[in-house]
Amino acid sequence: MTLSSPAFLSPASLSLEQVHQLLLLSIRDQHPEWITADGECPACDNSERKLGELSALFFNTQAAKPRRQRPS
């Protein structure tokens, strides 16, 4: 699957890694001035770090939630 394929852009089919890749590509496409002469993108690195933190927070929160018991 490529980033331009329709299946990739379907919200139901996006994995966390695909969302991550799409975010970084979008930043690079929309802000080429943020890319340094050596090809690095500090804003991309910052966004990548923040996404990782949010993902960890979300998944840790989801894992910590007790499951509701179904009524008998």
PDB file of N, CA and C in Angstrom:
ATOM      1  N   MET A   1       0.852  -1.177   0.000  1.00  0.00           N
ATOM      2  CA  MET A   1       0.000   0.000   0.000  1.00  0.00           C
ATOM      3  C   MET A   1       0.897   1.240   0.000  1.00  0.00           C
ATOM      4  N   THR A   2       0.605   2.171  -0.857  1.00  0.00           N
ATOM      5  CA  THR A   2       1.377   3.400  -0.905  1.00  0.00           C
ATOM      6  C   THR A   2       0.617   4.503  -0.184  1.00  0.00           C
ATOM      7  N   LEU A   3       1.327   5.557   0.115  1.00  0.00           N
ATOM      8  CA  LEU A   3       0.697   6.660   0.839  1.00  0.00           C
ATOM      9  C   LEU A   3      -0.348   7.376   0.006  1.00  0.00           C
ATOM     10  N   SER A   4      -0.282   7.234  -1.316  1.00  0.00           N
ATOM     11  CA  SER A   4      -1.261   7.913  -2.166  1.00  0.00           C
ATOM     12  C   SER A   4      -2.439   7.021  -2.522  1.00  0.00           C
ATOM     13  N   SER A   5      -2.421   5.774  -2.105  1.00  0.00           N
ATOM     14  CA  SER A   5      -3.521   4.882  -2.474  1.00  0.00           C
ATOM     15  C   SER A   5      -4.771   5.236  -1.693  1.00  0.00           C
ATOM     16  N   PRO A   6      -5.949   5.079  -2.305  1.00  0.00           N
ATOM     17  CA  PRO A   6      -7.207   5.411  -1.616  1.00  0.00           C
ATOM     18  C   PRO A   6      -7.397   4.624  -0.322  1.00  0.00           C
ATOM     19  N   ALA A   7      -6.945   3.369  -0.285  1.00  0.00           N
ATOM     20  CA  ALA A   7      -7.114   2.562   0.925  1.00  0.00           C
ATOM     21  C   ALA A   7      -6.352   3.175   2.088  1.00  0.00           C
ATOM     22  N   PHE A   8      -5.201   3.769   1.804  1.00  0.00           N
ATOM     23  CA  PHE A   8      -4.420   4.380   2.873  1.00  0.00           C
ATOM     24  C   PHE A   8      -5.164   5.560   3.480  1.00  0.00           C
ATOM     25  N   LEU A   9      -5.875   6.292   2.659  1.00  0.00           N
ATOM     26  CA  LEU A   9      -6.558   7.494   3.127  1.00  0.00           C
ATOM     27  C   LEU A   9      -7.899   7.200   3.785  1.00  0.00           C
ATOM     28  N   SER A  10      -8.339   5.973   3.749  1.00  0.00           N
ATOM     29  CA  SER A  10      -9.581   5.596   4.405  1.00  0.00           C
ATOM     30  C   SER A  10      -9.349   5.509   5.910  1.00  0.00           C
ATOM     31  N   PRO A  11     -10.067   6.290   6.713  1.00  0.00           N
ATOM     32  CA  PRO A  11      -9.828   6.300   8.159  1.00  0.00           C
ATOM     33  C   PRO A  11      -9.906   4.926   8.807  1.00  0.00           C
ATOM     34  N   ALA A  12     -10.759   4.065   8.307  1.00  0.00           N
ATOM     35  CA  ALA A  12     -10.909   2.742   8.916  1.00  0.00           C
ATOM     36  C   ALA A  12      -9.698   1.866   8.688  1.00  0.00           C
ATOM     37  N   SER A  13      -8.898   2.167   7.679  1.00  0.00           N
ATOM     38  CA  SER A  13      -7.772   1.302   7.356  1.00  0.00           C
ATOM     39  C   SER A  13      -6.437   1.835   7.852  1.00  0.00           C
ATOM     40  N   LEU A  14      -6.427   2.967   8.520  1.00  0.00           N
ATOM     41  CA  LEU A  14      -5.167   3.565   8.956  1.00  0.00           C
ATOM     42  C   LEU A  14      -4.621   2.891  10.215  1.00  0.00           C
ATOM     43  N   SER A  15      -3.381   2.481  10.138  1.00  0.00           N
ATOM     44  CA  SER A  15      -2.699   1.997  11.335  1.00  0.00           C
ATOM     45  C   SER A  15      -2.004   3.201  11.975  1.00  0.00           C
ATOM     46  N   LEU A  16      -1.553   3.033  13.181  1.00  0.00           N
ATOM     47  CA  LEU A  16      -0.853   4.120  13.859  1.00  0.00           C
ATOM     48  C   LEU A  16       0.411   4.494  13.089  1.00  0.00           C
ATOM     49  N   GLU A  17       1.108   3.510  12.568  1.00  0.00           N
ATOM     50  CA  GLU A  17       2.320   3.786  11.791  1.00  0.00           C
ATOM     51  C   GLU A  17       1.993   4.576  10.525  1.00  0.00           C
ATOM     52  N   GLN A  18       0.891   4.260   9.876  1.00  0.00           N
ATOM     53  CA  GLN A  18       0.493   4.992   8.674  1.00  0.00           C
ATOM     54  C   GLN A  18       0.109   6.428   8.999  1.00  0.00           C
ATOM     55  N   VAL A  19      -0.576   6.637  10.104  1.00  0.00           N
ATOM     56  CA  VAL A  19      -0.918   7.997  10.536  1.00  0.00           C
ATOM     57  C   VAL A  19       0.363   8.774  10.791  1.00  0.00           C
ATOM     58  N   HIS A  20       1.297   8.129  11.434  1.00  0.00           N
ATOM     59  CA  HIS A  20       2.586   8.733  11.736  1.00  0.00           C
ATOM     60  C   HIS A  20       3.297   9.143  10.444  1.00  0.00           C
ATOM     61  N   GLN A  21       3.373   8.249   9.475  1.00  0.00           N
ATOM     62  CA  GLN A  21       4.021   8.548   8.201  1.00  0.00           C
ATOM     63  C   GLN A  21       3.313   9.676   7.468  1.00  0.00           C
ATOM     64  N   LEU A  22       1.997   9.645   7.482  1.00  0.00           N
ATOM     65  CA  LEU A  22       1.217  10.685   6.817  1.00  0.00           C
ATOM     66  C   LEU A  22       1.469  12.043   7.462  1.00  0.00           C
ATOM     67  N   LEU A  23       1.540  12.082   8.768  1.00  0.00           N
ATOM     68  CA  LEU A  23       1.820  13.326   9.485  1.00  0.00           C
ATOM     69  C   LEU A  23       3.171  13.895   9.077  1.00  0.00           C
ATOM     70  N   LEU A  24       4.199  13.064   9.075  1.00  0.00           N
ATOM     71  CA  LEU A  24       5.532  13.548   8.732  1.00  0.00           C
ATOM     72  C   LEU A  24       5.618  13.999   7.279  1.00  0.00           C
ATOM     73  N   LEU A  25       5.003  13.250   6.376  1.00  0.00           N
ATOM     74  CA  LEU A  25       4.998  13.660   4.969  1.00  0.00           C
ATOM     75  C   LEU A  25       4.231  14.962   4.775  1.00  0.00           C
ATOM     76  N   SER A  26       3.142  15.120   5.494  1.00  0.00           N
ATOM     77  CA  SER A  26       2.352  16.346   5.391  1.00  0.00           C
ATOM     78  C   SER A  26       3.144  17.548   5.873  1.00  0.00           C
ATOM     79  N   ILE A  27       3.851  17.384   6.969  1.00  0.00           N
ATOM     80  CA  ILE A  27       4.677  18.486   7.486  1.00  0.00           C
ATOM     81  C   ILE A  27       5.730  18.868   6.458  1.00  0.00           C
ATOM     82  N   ARG A  28       6.404  17.868   5.904  1.00  0.00           N
ATOM     83  CA  ARG A  28       7.446  18.141   4.912  1.00  0.00           C
ATOM     84  C   ARG A  28       6.870  18.795   3.660  1.00  0.00           C
ATOM     85  N   ASP A  29       5.712  18.337   3.201  1.00  0.00           N
ATOM     86  CA  ASP A  29       5.097  18.899   1.998  1.00  0.00           C
ATOM     87  C   ASP A  29       4.610  20.327   2.217  1.00  0.00           C
ATOM     88  N   GLN A  30       4.014  20.578   3.365  1.00  0.00           N
ATOM     89  CA  GLN A  30       3.416  21.883   3.629  1.00  0.00           C
ATOM     90  C   GLN A  30       4.423  22.929   4.086  1.00  0.00           C
ATOM     91  N   HIS A  31       5.567  22.456   4.604  1.00  0.00           N
ATOM     92  CA  HIS A  31       6.568  23.400   5.124  1.00  0.00           C
ATOM     93  C   HIS A  31       7.970  23.018   4.671  1.00  0.00           C
ATOM     94  N   PRO A  32       8.258  23.118   3.380  1.00  0.00           N
ATOM     95  CA  PRO A  32       9.600  22.773   2.903  1.00  0.00           C
ATOM     96  C   PRO A  32      10.681  23.662   3.516  1.00  0.00           C
ATOM     97  N   GLU A  33      10.302  24.839   3.973  1.00  0.00           N
ATOM     98  CA  GLU A  33      11.281  25.747   4.588  1.00  0.00           C
ATOM     99  C   GLU A  33      11.788  25.214   5.926  1.00  0.00           C
ATOM    100  N   TRP A  34      11.117  24.248   6.506  1.00  0.00           N
ATOM    101  CA  TRP A  34      11.547  23.677   7.784  1.00  0.00           C
ATOM    102  C   TRP A  34      12.629  22.612   7.605  1.00  0.00           C
ATOM    103  N   ILE A  35      12.854  22.195   6.371  1.00  0.00           N
ATOM    104  CA  ILE A  35      13.853  21.168   6.103  1.00  0.00           C
ATOM    105  C   ILE A  35      15.200  21.848   5.924  1.00  0.00           C
ATOM    106  N   THR A  36      16.173  21.396   6.690  1.00  0.00           N
ATOM    107  CA  THR A  36      17.507  22.000   6.662  1.00  0.00           C
ATOM    108  C   THR A  36      18.274  21.514   5.433  1.00  0.00           C
ATOM    109  N   ALA A  37      19.426  22.136   5.177  1.00  0.00           N
ATOM    110  CA  ALA A  37      20.236  21.810   4.006  1.00  0.00           C
ATOM    111  C   ALA A  37      20.672  20.346   3.987  1.00  0.00           C
ATOM    112  N   ASP A  38      20.818  19.743   5.151  1.00  0.00           N
ATOM    113  CA  ASP A  38      21.242  18.341   5.201  1.00  0.00           C
ATOM    114  C   ASP A  38      20.060  17.366   5.138  1.00  0.00           C
ATOM    115  N   GLY A  39      18.844  17.883   4.896  1.00  0.00           N
ATOM    116  CA  GLY A  39      17.663  17.034   4.739  1.00  0.00           C
ATOM    117  C   GLY A  39      16.941  16.719   6.037  1.00  0.00           C
ATOM    118  N   GLU A  40      17.438  17.214   7.136  1.00  0.00           N
ATOM    119  CA  GLU A  40      16.794  16.991   8.431  1.00  0.00           C
ATOM    120  C   GLU A  40      15.604  17.933   8.582  1.00  0.00           C
ATOM    121  N   CYS A  41      14.685  17.550   9.444  1.00  0.00           N
ATOM    122  CA  CYS A  41      13.492  18.361   9.695  1.00  0.00           C
ATOM    123  C   CYS A  41      13.241  18.379  11.206  1.00  0.00           C
ATOM    124  N   PRO A  42      13.785  19.375  11.915  1.00  0.00           N
ATOM    125  CA  PRO A  42      13.582  19.437  13.366  1.00  0.00           C
ATOM    126  C   PRO A  42      12.111  19.472  13.771  1.00  0.00           C
ATOM    127  N   ALA A  43      11.261  20.137  13.000  1.00  0.00           N
ATOM    128  CA  ALA A  43       9.826  20.166  13.316  1.00  0.00           C
ATOM    129  C   ALA A  43       9.228  18.772  13.179  1.00  0.00           C
ATOM    130  N   CYS A  44       9.696  18.014  12.191  1.00  0.00           N
ATOM    131  CA  CYS A  44       9.230  16.631  12.020  1.00  0.00           C
ATOM    132  C   CYS A  44       9.658  15.790  13.223  1.00  0.00           C
ATOM    133  N   ASP A  45      10.894  15.968  13.649  1.00  0.00           N
ATOM    134  CA  ASP A  45      11.400  15.225  14.810  1.00  0.00           C
ATOM    135  C   ASP A  45      10.576  15.543  16.044  1.00  0.00           C
ATOM    136  N   ASN A  46      10.236  16.819  16.220  1.00  0.00           N
ATOM    137  CA  ASN A  46       9.430  17.240  17.364  1.00  0.00           C
ATOM    138  C   ASN A  46       8.029  16.633  17.280  1.00  0.00           C
ATOM    139  N   SER A  47       7.436  16.661  16.100  1.00  0.00           N
ATOM    140  CA  SER A  47       6.100  16.077  15.915  1.00  0.00           C
ATOM    141  C   SER A  47       6.135  14.573  16.149  1.00  0.00           C
ATOM    142  N   GLU A  48       7.197  13.935  15.682  1.00  0.00           N
ATOM    143  CA  GLU A  48       7.349  12.490  15.876  1.00  0.00           C
ATOM    144  C   GLU A  48       7.424  12.155  17.370  1.00  0.00           C
ATOM    145  N   ARG A  49       8.172  12.957  18.116  1.00  0.00           N
ATOM    146  CA  ARG A  49       8.292  12.749  19.562  1.00  0.00           C
ATOM    147  C   ARG A  49       6.941  12.941  20.253  1.00  0.00           C
ATOM    148  N   LYS A  50       6.239  13.997  19.890  1.00  0.00           N
ATOM    149  CA  LYS A  50       4.935  14.275  20.497  1.00  0.00           C
ATOM    150  C   LYS A  50       3.918  13.179  20.166  1.00  0.00           C
ATOM    151  N   LEU A  51       3.926  12.707  18.928  1.00  0.00           N
ATOM    152  CA  LEU A  51       3.014  11.638  18.548  1.00  0.00           C
ATOM    153  C   LEU A  51       3.307  10.373  19.352  1.00  0.00           C
ATOM    154  N   GLY A  52       4.583  10.091  19.544  1.00  0.00           N
ATOM    155  CA  GLY A  52       4.965   8.938  20.357  1.00  0.00           C
ATOM    156  C   GLY A  52       4.471   9.069  21.790  1.00  0.00           C
ATOM    157  N   GLU A  53       4.614  10.255  22.356  1.00  0.00           N
ATOM    158  CA  GLU A  53       4.146  10.494  23.719  1.00  0.00           C
ATOM    159  C   GLU A  53       2.620  10.349  23.815  1.00  0.00           C
ATOM    160  N   LEU A  54       1.914  10.919  22.843  1.00  0.00           N
ATOM    161  CA  LEU A  54       0.453  10.816  22.846  1.00  0.00           C
ATOM    162  C   LEU A  54      -0.006   9.374  22.656  1.00  0.00           C
ATOM    163  N   SER A  55       0.668   8.656  21.782  1.00  0.00           N
ATOM    164  CA  SER A  55       0.324   7.249  21.554  1.00  0.00           C
ATOM    165  C   SER A  55       0.518   6.442  22.827  1.00  0.00           C
ATOM    166  N   ALA A  56       1.649   6.656  23.480  1.00  0.00           N
ATOM    167  CA  ALA A  56       1.926   5.932  24.721  1.00  0.00           C
ATOM    168  C   ALA A  56       0.894   6.277  25.782  1.00  0.00           C
ATOM    169  N   LEU A  57       0.550   7.544  25.892  1.00  0.00           N
ATOM    170  CA  LEU A  57      -0.446   7.974  26.866  1.00  0.00           C
ATOM    171  C   LEU A  57      -1.798   7.347  26.559  1.00  0.00           C
ATOM    172  N   PHE A  58      -2.203   7.376  25.296  1.00  0.00           N
ATOM    173  CA  PHE A  58      -3.489   6.815  24.904  1.00  0.00           C
ATOM    174  C   PHE A  58      -3.538   5.319  25.176  1.00  0.00           C
ATOM    175  N   PHE A  59      -2.515   4.599  24.713  1.00  0.00           N
ATOM    176  CA  PHE A  59      -2.541   3.150  24.868  1.00  0.00           C
ATOM    177  C   PHE A  59      -2.379   2.733  26.321  1.00  0.00           C
ATOM    178  N   ASN A  60      -1.602   3.468  27.106  1.00  0.00           N
ATOM    179  CA  ASN A  60      -1.486   3.158  28.534  1.00  0.00           C
ATOM    180  C   ASN A  60      -2.801   3.438  29.242  1.00  0.00           C
ATOM    181  N   THR A  61      -3.481   4.502  28.846  1.00  0.00           N
ATOM    182  CA  THR A  61      -4.776   4.835  29.442  1.00  0.00           C
ATOM    183  C   THR A  61      -5.803   3.768  29.091  1.00  0.00           C
ATOM    184  N   GLN A  62      -5.802   3.337  27.833  1.00  0.00           N
ATOM    185  CA  GLN A  62      -6.749   2.320  27.404  1.00  0.00           C
ATOM    186  C   GLN A  62      -6.488   0.999  28.123  1.00  0.00           C
ATOM    187  N   ALA A  63      -5.227   0.651  28.311  1.00  0.00           N
ATOM    188  CA  ALA A  63      -4.875  -0.607  28.967  1.00  0.00           C
ATOM    189  C   ALA A  63      -5.230  -0.563  30.450  1.00  0.00           C
ATOM    190  N   ALA A  64      -5.183   0.631  31.041  1.00  0.00           N
ATOM    191  CA  ALA A  64      -5.437   0.760  32.475  1.00  0.00           C
ATOM    192  C   ALA A  64      -6.925   0.780  32.814  1.00  0.00           C
ATOM    193  N   LYS A  65      -7.768   1.030  31.827  1.00  0.00           N
ATOM    194  CA  LYS A  65      -9.205   1.099  32.098  1.00  0.00           C
ATOM    195  C   LYS A  65      -9.750  -0.299  32.393  1.00  0.00           C
ATOM    196  N   PRO A  66     -10.479  -0.437  33.481  1.00  0.00           N
ATOM    197  CA  PRO A  66     -11.087  -1.747  33.755  1.00  0.00           C
ATOM    198  C   PRO A  66     -12.191  -2.024  32.753  1.00  0.00           C
ATOM    199  N   ARG A  67     -12.337  -3.264  32.405  1.00  0.00           N
ATOM    200  CA  ARG A  67     -13.414  -3.639  31.487  1.00  0.00           C
ATOM    201  C   ARG A  67     -14.720  -3.696  32.257  1.00  0.00           C
ATOM    202  N   ARG A  68     -15.767  -3.193  31.607  1.00  0.00           N
ATOM    203  CA  ARG A  68     -17.084  -3.254  32.245  1.00  0.00           C
ATOM    204  C   ARG A  68     -17.585  -4.677  32.169  1.00  0.00           C
ATOM    205  N   GLN A  69     -18.160  -5.089  33.263  1.00  0.00           N
ATOM    206  CA  GLN A  69     -18.733  -6.427  33.280  1.00  0.00           C
ATOM    207  C   GLN A  69     -20.131  -6.375  32.702  1.00  0.00           C
ATOM    208  N   ARG A  70     -20.449  -7.378  31.942  1.00  0.00           N
ATOM    209  CA  ARG A  70     -21.793  -7.457  31.368  1.00  0.00           C
ATOM    210  C   ARG A  70     -22.756  -7.974  32.416  1.00  0.00           C
ATOM    211  N   PRO A  71     -23.973  -7.439  32.423  1.00  0.00           N
ATOM    212  CA  PRO A  71     -24.964  -7.932  33.371  1.00  0.00           C
ATOM    213  C   PRO A  71     -25.278  -9.405  33.091  1.00  0.00           C
ATOM    214  N   SER A  72     -25.515 -10.152  34.139  1.00  0.00           N
ATOM    215  CA  SER A  72     -25.835 -11.593  33.994  1.00  0.00           C
ATOM    216  C   SER A  72     -27.251 -11.798  33.559  1.00  0.00           C
TER     217      SER A  72
END
